PDB file of N, CA and C in Angstrom:
ATOM      1  N   UNK A   1      25.303  16.456  49.711  1.00  0.00           N
ATOM      2  CA  UNK A   1      26.442  15.732  49.155  1.00  0.00           C
ATOM      3  C   UNK A   1      25.927  14.390  48.651  1.00  0.00           C
ATOM      4  N   UNK A   2      26.259  14.043  47.446  1.00  0.00           N
ATOM      5  CA  UNK A   2      25.840  12.784  46.837  1.00  0.00           C
ATOM      6  C   UNK A   2      27.081  11.948  46.542  1.00  0.00           C
ATOM      7  N   UNK A   3      27.047  10.695  46.939  1.00  0.00           N
ATOM      8  CA  UNK A   3      28.119   9.743  46.642  1.00  0.00           C
ATOM      9  C   UNK A   3      27.534   8.679  45.719  1.00  0.00           C
ATOM     10  N   UNK A   4      28.120   8.500  44.560  1.00  0.00           N
ATOM     11  CA  UNK A   4      27.663   7.476  43.613  1.00  0.00           C
ATOM     12  C   UNK A   4      28.756   6.425  43.449  1.00  0.00           C
ATOM     13  N   UNK A   5      28.358   5.160  43.474  1.00  0.00           N
ATOM     14  CA  UNK A   5      29.294   4.052  43.291  1.00  0.00           C
ATOM     15  C   UNK A   5      28.775   3.230  42.114  1.00  0.00           C
ATOM     16  N   UNK A   6      29.554   3.168  41.060  1.00  0.00           N
ATOM     17  CA  UNK A   6      29.133   2.462  39.849  1.00  0.00           C
ATOM     18  C   UNK A   6      29.560   0.995  39.889  1.00  0.00           C
ATOM     19  N   UNK A   7      28.806   0.174  39.216  1.00  0.00           N
ATOM     20  CA  UNK A   7      29.163  -1.232  39.083  1.00  0.00           C
ATOM     21  C   UNK A   7      28.629  -2.089  40.210  1.00  0.00           C
ATOM     22  N   UNK A   8      28.801  -3.393  40.068  1.00  0.00           N
ATOM     23  CA  UNK A   8      28.358  -4.353  41.072  1.00  0.00           C
ATOM     24  C   UNK A   8      29.529  -4.684  41.994  1.00  0.00           C
ATOM     25  N   UNK A   9      29.292  -4.640  43.295  1.00  0.00           N
ATOM     26  CA  UNK A   9      30.332  -4.867  44.291  1.00  0.00           C
ATOM     27  C   UNK A   9      29.789  -5.731  45.425  1.00  0.00           C
ATOM     28  N   UNK A  10      30.670  -6.414  46.113  1.00  0.00           N
ATOM     29  CA  UNK A  10      30.259  -7.135  47.319  1.00  0.00           C
ATOM     30  C   UNK A  10      29.940  -6.109  48.399  1.00  0.00           C
ATOM     31  N   UNK A  11      29.148  -6.495  49.382  1.00  0.00           N
ATOM     32  CA  UNK A  11      28.830  -5.570  50.475  1.00  0.00           C
ATOM     33  C   UNK A  11      30.093  -5.168  51.222  1.00  0.00           C
ATOM     34  N   UNK A  12      31.030  -6.093  51.404  1.00  0.00           N
ATOM     35  CA  UNK A  12      32.308  -5.787  52.065  1.00  0.00           C
ATOM     36  C   UNK A  12      33.022  -4.666  51.310  1.00  0.00           C
ATOM     37  N   UNK A  13      33.051  -4.783  49.978  1.00  0.00           N
ATOM     38  CA  UNK A  13      33.690  -3.779  49.138  1.00  0.00           C
ATOM     39  C   UNK A  13      32.965  -2.440  49.226  1.00  0.00           C
ATOM     40  N   UNK A  14      31.628  -2.475  49.258  1.00  0.00           N
ATOM     41  CA  UNK A  14      30.845  -1.237  49.383  1.00  0.00           C
ATOM     42  C   UNK A  14      31.100  -0.553  50.717  1.00  0.00           C
ATOM     43  N   UNK A  15      31.200  -1.329  51.781  1.00  0.00           N
ATOM     44  CA  UNK A  15      31.506  -0.755  53.099  1.00  0.00           C
ATOM     45  C   UNK A  15      32.824  -0.002  53.031  1.00  0.00           C
ATOM     46  N   UNK A  16      33.835  -0.610  52.430  1.00  0.00           N
ATOM     47  CA  UNK A  16      35.146   0.026  52.316  1.00  0.00           C
ATOM     48  C   UNK A  16      35.070   1.277  51.452  1.00  0.00           C
ATOM     49  N   UNK A  17      34.367   1.204  50.345  1.00  0.00           N
ATOM     50  CA  UNK A  17      34.248   2.335  49.435  1.00  0.00           C
ATOM     51  C   UNK A  17      33.533   3.509  50.104  1.00  0.00           C
ATOM     52  N   UNK A  18      32.439   3.242  50.795  1.00  0.00           N
ATOM     53  CA  UNK A  18      31.704   4.306  51.486  1.00  0.00           C
ATOM     54  C   UNK A  18      32.581   4.910  52.575  1.00  0.00           C
ATOM     55  N   UNK A  19      33.292   4.075  53.310  1.00  0.00           N
ATOM     56  CA  UNK A  19      34.203   4.572  54.341  1.00  0.00           C
ATOM     57  C   UNK A  19      35.242   5.516  53.727  1.00  0.00           C
ATOM     58  N   UNK A  20      35.846   5.114  52.610  1.00  0.00           N
ATOM     59  CA  UNK A  20      36.871   5.934  51.965  1.00  0.00           C
ATOM     60  C   UNK A  20      36.306   7.270  51.489  1.00  0.00           C
ATOM     61  N   UNK A  21      35.087   7.248  50.952  1.00  0.00           N
ATOM     62  CA  UNK A  21      34.468   8.486  50.484  1.00  0.00           C
ATOM     63  C   UNK A  21      34.152   9.425  51.649  1.00  0.00           C
ATOM     64  N   UNK A  22      33.646   8.870  52.751  1.00  0.00           N
ATOM     65  CA  UNK A  22      33.358   9.701  53.923  1.00  0.00           C
ATOM     66  C   UNK A  22      34.636  10.268  54.522  1.00  0.00           C
ATOM     67  N   UNK A  23      35.691   9.470  54.540  1.00  0.00           N
ATOM     68  CA  UNK A  23      36.983   9.944  55.036  1.00  0.00           C
ATOM     69  C   UNK A  23      37.500  11.095  54.171  1.00  0.00           C
ATOM     70  N   UNK A  24      37.331  10.964  52.860  1.00  0.00           N
ATOM     71  CA  UNK A  24      37.767  12.040  51.962  1.00  0.00           C
ATOM     72  C   UNK A  24      36.957  13.315  52.192  1.00  0.00           C
ATOM     73  N   UNK A  25      35.655  13.186  52.398  1.00  0.00           N
ATOM     74  CA  UNK A  25      34.818  14.359  52.691  1.00  0.00           C
ATOM     75  C   UNK A  25      35.294  15.028  53.969  1.00  0.00           C
ATOM     76  N   UNK A  26      35.580  14.215  54.975  1.00  0.00           N
ATOM     77  CA  UNK A  26      36.044  14.751  56.252  1.00  0.00           C
ATOM     78  C   UNK A  26      37.382  15.486  56.089  1.00  0.00           C
ATOM     79  N   UNK A  27      38.313  14.868  55.402  1.00  0.00           N
ATOM     80  CA  UNK A  27      39.658  15.435  55.280  1.00  0.00           C
ATOM     81  C   UNK A  27      39.736  16.588  54.277  1.00  0.00           C
ATOM     82  N   UNK A  28      39.063  16.470  53.161  1.00  0.00           N
ATOM     83  CA  UNK A  28      39.164  17.482  52.105  1.00  0.00           C
ATOM     84  C   UNK A  28      38.303  18.710  52.383  1.00  0.00           C
ATOM     85  N   UNK A  29      37.106  18.488  52.926  1.00  0.00           N
ATOM     86  CA  UNK A  29      36.165  19.586  53.093  1.00  0.00           C
ATOM     87  C   UNK A  29      35.935  19.980  54.552  1.00  0.00           C
ATOM     88  N   UNK A  30      36.660  19.346  55.470  1.00  0.00           N
ATOM     89  CA  UNK A  30      36.567  19.647  56.907  1.00  0.00           C
ATOM     90  C   UNK A  30      35.139  19.517  57.436  1.00  0.00           C
ATOM     91  N   UNK A  31      34.422  18.524  56.939  1.00  0.00           N
ATOM     92  CA  UNK A  31      33.063  18.247  57.412  1.00  0.00           C
ATOM     93  C   UNK A  31      33.148  17.176  58.491  1.00  0.00           C
ATOM     94  N   UNK A  32      32.546  17.440  59.641  1.00  0.00           N
ATOM     95  CA  UNK A  32      32.604  16.499  60.758  1.00  0.00           C
ATOM     96  C   UNK A  32      31.255  15.926  61.165  1.00  0.00           C
ATOM     97  N   UNK A  33      30.162  16.441  60.620  1.00  0.00           N
ATOM     98  CA  UNK A  33      28.830  15.972  60.987  1.00  0.00           C
ATOM     99  C   UNK A  33      27.941  15.895  59.754  1.00  0.00           C
ATOM    100  N   UNK A  34      26.917  15.070  59.834  1.00  0.00           N
ATOM    101  CA  UNK A  34      25.909  14.979  58.778  1.00  0.00           C
ATOM    102  C   UNK A  34      24.610  14.501  59.412  1.00  0.00           C
ATOM    103  N   UNK A  35      23.514  14.746  58.756  1.00  0.00           N
ATOM    104  CA  UNK A  35      22.227  14.235  59.228  1.00  0.00           C
ATOM    105  C   UNK A  35      21.398  13.788  58.036  1.00  0.00           C
ATOM    106  N   UNK A  36      20.427  12.972  58.308  1.00  0.00           N
ATOM    107  CA  UNK A  36      19.498  12.466  57.298  1.00  0.00           C
ATOM    108  C   UNK A  36      20.223  11.809  56.123  1.00  0.00           C
ATOM    109  N   UNK A  37      20.989  10.783  56.426  1.00  0.00           N
ATOM    110  CA  UNK A  37      21.708  10.032  55.397  1.00  0.00           C
ATOM    111  C   UNK A  37      20.802   8.907  54.907  1.00  0.00           C
ATOM    112  N   UNK A  38      20.649   8.795  53.602  1.00  0.00           N
ATOM    113  CA  UNK A  38      19.850   7.735  52.996  1.00  0.00           C
ATOM    114  C   UNK A  38      20.701   7.033  51.949  1.00  0.00           C
ATOM    115  N   UNK A  39      20.738   5.721  52.006  1.00  0.00           N
ATOM    116  CA  UNK A  39      21.481   4.941  51.018  1.00  0.00           C
ATOM    117  C   UNK A  39      20.475   4.096  50.239  1.00  0.00           C
ATOM    118  N   UNK A  40      20.474   4.237  48.932  1.00  0.00           N
ATOM    119  CA  UNK A  40      19.646   3.416  48.062  1.00  0.00           C
ATOM    120  C   UNK A  40      20.573   2.426  47.356  1.00  0.00           C
ATOM    121  N   UNK A  41      20.191   1.171  47.317  1.00  0.00           N
ATOM    122  CA  UNK A  41      21.002   0.201  46.581  1.00  0.00           C
ATOM    123  C   UNK A  41      20.101  -0.870  45.987  1.00  0.00           C
ATOM    124  N   UNK A  42      20.554  -1.417  44.886  1.00  0.00           N
ATOM    125  CA  UNK A  42      19.874  -2.531  44.244  1.00  0.00           C
ATOM    126  C   UNK A  42      20.654  -3.782  44.605  1.00  0.00           C
ATOM    127  N   UNK A  43      20.027  -4.685  45.343  1.00  0.00           N
ATOM    128  CA  UNK A  43      20.704  -5.906  45.764  1.00  0.00           C
ATOM    129  C   UNK A  43      20.718  -6.907  44.601  1.00  0.00           C
ATOM    130  N   UNK A  44      21.868  -7.577  44.443  1.00  0.00           N
ATOM    131  CA  UNK A  44      22.040  -8.513  43.333  1.00  0.00           C
ATOM    132  C   UNK A  44      22.635  -9.829  43.836  1.00  0.00           C
ATOM    133  N   UNK A  45      22.726 -10.788  42.932  1.00  0.00           N
ATOM    134  CA  UNK A  45      23.248 -12.115  43.289  1.00  0.00           C
ATOM    135  C   UNK A  45      24.720 -12.299  42.930  1.00  0.00           C
ATOM    136  N   UNK A  46      25.402 -11.246  42.520  1.00  0.00           N
ATOM    137  CA  UNK A  46      26.801 -11.354  42.119  1.00  0.00           C
ATOM    138  C   UNK A  46      26.973 -11.544  40.626  1.00  0.00           C
ATOM    139  N   UNK A  47      25.871 -11.805  39.938  1.00  0.00           N
ATOM    140  CA  UNK A  47      25.892 -11.953  38.478  1.00  0.00           C
ATOM    141  C   UNK A  47      25.074 -10.863  37.801  1.00  0.00           C
ATOM    142  N   UNK A  48      24.705  -9.840  38.569  1.00  0.00           N
ATOM    143  CA  UNK A  48      23.929  -8.736  38.018  1.00  0.00           C
ATOM    144  C   UNK A  48      22.426  -8.919  38.078  1.00  0.00           C
ATOM    145  N   UNK A  49      21.971 -10.065  38.552  1.00  0.00           N
ATOM    146  CA  UNK A  49      20.536 -10.319  38.657  1.00  0.00           C
ATOM    147  C   UNK A  49      20.004  -9.756  39.969  1.00  0.00           C
ATOM    148  N   UNK A  50      18.903  -9.030  39.899  1.00  0.00           N
ATOM    149  CA  UNK A  50      18.310  -8.416  41.082  1.00  0.00           C
ATOM    150  C   UNK A  50      17.735  -9.489  41.999  1.00  0.00           C
ATOM    151  N   UNK A  51      18.010  -9.353  43.296  1.00  0.00           N
ATOM    152  CA  UNK A  51      17.409 -10.220  44.308  1.00  0.00           C
ATOM    153  C   UNK A  51      16.721  -9.327  45.334  1.00  0.00           C
ATOM    154  N   UNK A  52      15.760  -9.889  46.039  1.00  0.00           N
ATOM    155  CA  UNK A  52      14.993  -9.122  47.009  1.00  0.00           C
ATOM    156  C   UNK A  52      15.252  -9.638  48.415  1.00  0.00           C
ATOM    157  N   UNK A  53      15.396  -8.724  49.347  1.00  0.00           N
ATOM    158  CA  UNK A  53      15.559  -9.091  50.756  1.00  0.00           C
ATOM    159  C   UNK A  53      14.194  -9.511  51.293  1.00  0.00           C
ATOM    160  N   UNK A  54      14.181 -10.599  52.039  1.00  0.00           N
ATOM    161  CA  UNK A  54      12.922 -11.109  52.599  1.00  0.00           C
ATOM    162  C   UNK A  54      13.107 -11.412  54.074  1.00  0.00           C
ATOM    163  N   UNK A  55      12.049 -11.181  54.843  1.00  0.00           N
ATOM    164  CA  UNK A  55      12.087 -11.488  56.271  1.00  0.00           C
ATOM    165  C   UNK A  55      11.758 -12.961  56.498  1.00  0.00           C
ATOM    166  N   UNK A  56      11.669 -13.364  57.749  1.00  0.00           N
ATOM    167  CA  UNK A  56      11.440 -14.777  58.095  1.00  0.00           C
ATOM    168  C   UNK A  56      10.113 -15.306  57.551  1.00  0.00           C
ATOM    169  N   UNK A  57       9.119 -14.428  57.344  1.00  0.00           N
ATOM    170  CA  UNK A  57       7.814 -14.846  56.801  1.00  0.00           C
ATOM    171  C   UNK A  57       7.802 -14.878  55.281  1.00  0.00           C
ATOM    172  N   UNK A  58       8.896 -14.435  54.654  1.00  0.00           N
ATOM    173  CA  UNK A  58       8.965 -14.422  53.203  1.00  0.00           C
ATOM    174  C   UNK A  58       8.517 -13.118  52.575  1.00  0.00           C
ATOM    175  N   UNK A  59       8.154 -12.133  53.405  1.00  0.00           N
ATOM    176  CA  UNK A  59       7.733 -10.838  52.878  1.00  0.00           C
ATOM    177  C   UNK A  59       8.956 -10.029  52.443  1.00  0.00           C
ATOM    178  N   UNK A  60       8.815  -9.266  51.356  1.00  0.00           N
ATOM    179  CA  UNK A  60       9.909  -8.407  50.905  1.00  0.00           C
ATOM    180  C   UNK A  60      10.148  -7.292  51.914  1.00  0.00           C
ATOM    181  N   UNK A  61      11.406  -6.994  52.130  1.00  0.00           N
ATOM    182  CA  UNK A  61      11.805  -5.903  53.021  1.00  0.00           C
ATOM    183  C   UNK A  61      12.296  -4.772  52.135  1.00  0.00           C
ATOM    184  N   UNK A  62      11.635  -3.607  52.241  1.00  0.00           N
ATOM    185  CA  UNK A  62      11.956  -2.480  51.370  1.00  0.00           C
ATOM    186  C   UNK A  62      12.832  -1.428  52.031  1.00  0.00           C
ATOM    187  N   UNK A  63      12.807  -1.367  53.364  1.00  0.00           N
ATOM    188  CA  UNK A  63      13.609  -0.339  54.021  1.00  0.00           C
ATOM    189  C   UNK A  63      14.030  -0.781  55.411  1.00  0.00           C
ATOM    190  N   UNK A  64      15.076  -0.151  55.898  1.00  0.00           N
ATOM    191  CA  UNK A  64      15.591  -0.367  57.247  1.00  0.00           C
ATOM    192  C   UNK A  64      15.799   1.015  57.848  1.00  0.00           C
ATOM    193  N   UNK A  65      15.543   1.147  59.135  1.00  0.00           N
ATOM    194  CA  UNK A  65      15.746   2.421  59.809  1.00  0.00           C
ATOM    195  C   UNK A  65      16.641   2.219  61.019  1.00  0.00           C
ATOM    196  N   UNK A  66      17.459   3.220  61.325  1.00  0.00           N
ATOM    197  CA  UNK A  66      18.337   3.157  62.480  1.00  0.00           C
ATOM    198  C   UNK A  66      18.514   4.554  63.049  1.00  0.00           C
ATOM    199  N   UNK A  67      18.781   4.624  64.324  1.00  0.00           N
ATOM    200  CA  UNK A  67      19.073   5.900  64.978  1.00  0.00           C
ATOM    201  C   UNK A  67      20.573   6.098  65.131  1.00  0.00           C
ATOM    202  N   UNK A  68      21.356   5.280  64.484  1.00  0.00           N
ATOM    203  CA  UNK A  68      22.807   5.414  64.554  1.00  0.00           C
ATOM    204  C   UNK A  68      23.451   4.127  64.998  1.00  0.00           C
ATOM    205  N   UNK A  69      24.769   4.150  65.202  1.00  0.00           N
ATOM    206  CA  UNK A  69      25.490   2.935  65.576  1.00  0.00           C
ATOM    207  C   UNK A  69      25.166   2.482  66.996  1.00  0.00           C
ATOM    208  N   UNK A  70      25.496   1.243  67.283  1.00  0.00           N
ATOM    209  CA  UNK A  70      25.315   0.680  68.618  1.00  0.00           C
ATOM    210  C   UNK A  70      26.095   1.513  69.631  1.00  0.00           C
ATOM    211  N   UNK A  71      25.457   1.833  70.713  1.00  0.00           N
ATOM    212  CA  UNK A  71      26.093   2.624  71.766  1.00  0.00           C
ATOM    213  C   UNK A  71      26.304   1.729  72.983  1.00  0.00           C
ATOM    214  N   UNK A  72      27.567   1.437  73.290  1.00  0.00           N
ATOM    215  CA  UNK A  72      27.854   0.584  74.437  1.00  0.00           C
ATOM    216  C   UNK A  72      27.872   1.420  75.712  1.00  0.00           C
ATOM    217  N   UNK A  73      27.752   0.764  76.837  1.00  0.00           N
ATOM    218  CA  UNK A  73      27.781   1.486  78.114  1.00  0.00           C
ATOM    219  C   UNK A  73      29.137   2.141  78.340  1.00  0.00           C
ATOM    220  N   UNK A  74      30.195   1.612  77.731  1.00  0.00           N
ATOM    221  CA  UNK A  74      31.525   2.214  77.863  1.00  0.00           C
ATOM    222  C   UNK A  74      31.574   3.612  77.240  1.00  0.00           C
ATOM    223  N   UNK A  75      30.724   3.845  76.238  1.00  0.00           N
ATOM    224  CA  UNK A  75      30.666   5.176  75.619  1.00  0.00           C
ATOM    225  C   UNK A  75      30.178   6.226  76.595  1.00  0.00           C
ATOM    226  N   UNK A  76      29.440   5.809  77.610  1.00  0.00           N
ATOM    227  CA  UNK A  76      28.858   6.752  78.575  1.00  0.00           C
ATOM    228  C   UNK A  76      29.459   6.630  79.968  1.00  0.00           C
ATOM    229  N   UNK A  77      30.533   5.865  80.093  1.00  0.00           N
ATOM    230  CA  UNK A  77      31.141   5.627  81.385  1.00  0.00           C
ATOM    231  C   UNK A  77      31.891   6.868  81.873  1.00  0.00           C
ATOM    232  N   UNK A  78      31.606   7.261  83.113  1.00  0.00           N
ATOM    233  CA  UNK A  78      32.283   8.410  83.721  1.00  0.00           C
ATOM    234  C   UNK A  78      32.969   7.910  84.980  1.00  0.00           C
ATOM    235  N   UNK A  79      34.304   7.744  84.953  1.00  0.00           N
ATOM    236  CA  UNK A  79      35.021   7.156  86.083  1.00  0.00           C
ATOM    237  C   UNK A  79      35.100   8.073  87.308  1.00  0.00           C
ATOM    238  N   UNK A  80      34.677   9.314  87.199  1.00  0.00           N
ATOM    239  CA  UNK A  80      34.800  10.225  88.356  1.00  0.00           C
ATOM    240  C   UNK A  80      33.686  10.080  89.355  1.00  0.00           C
TER     241      UNK A  80
END
């Protein structure tokens, strides 16, 4: 499944748009799971000019990896 979002948007707006698209996939196609999700984006300054993410040393950051959302201890709490 490919989701394409055209135009320049704030990250807040992109979060909402991606959420809405995933909700539609869930509701329309009855899909409840996915794996190996990759998001490619070109970061900009709000005027269409490309900007690069940099770490504290000034090196460009090209990718981020995660094993999923934060898991709190409440997610695993068993009161019995």
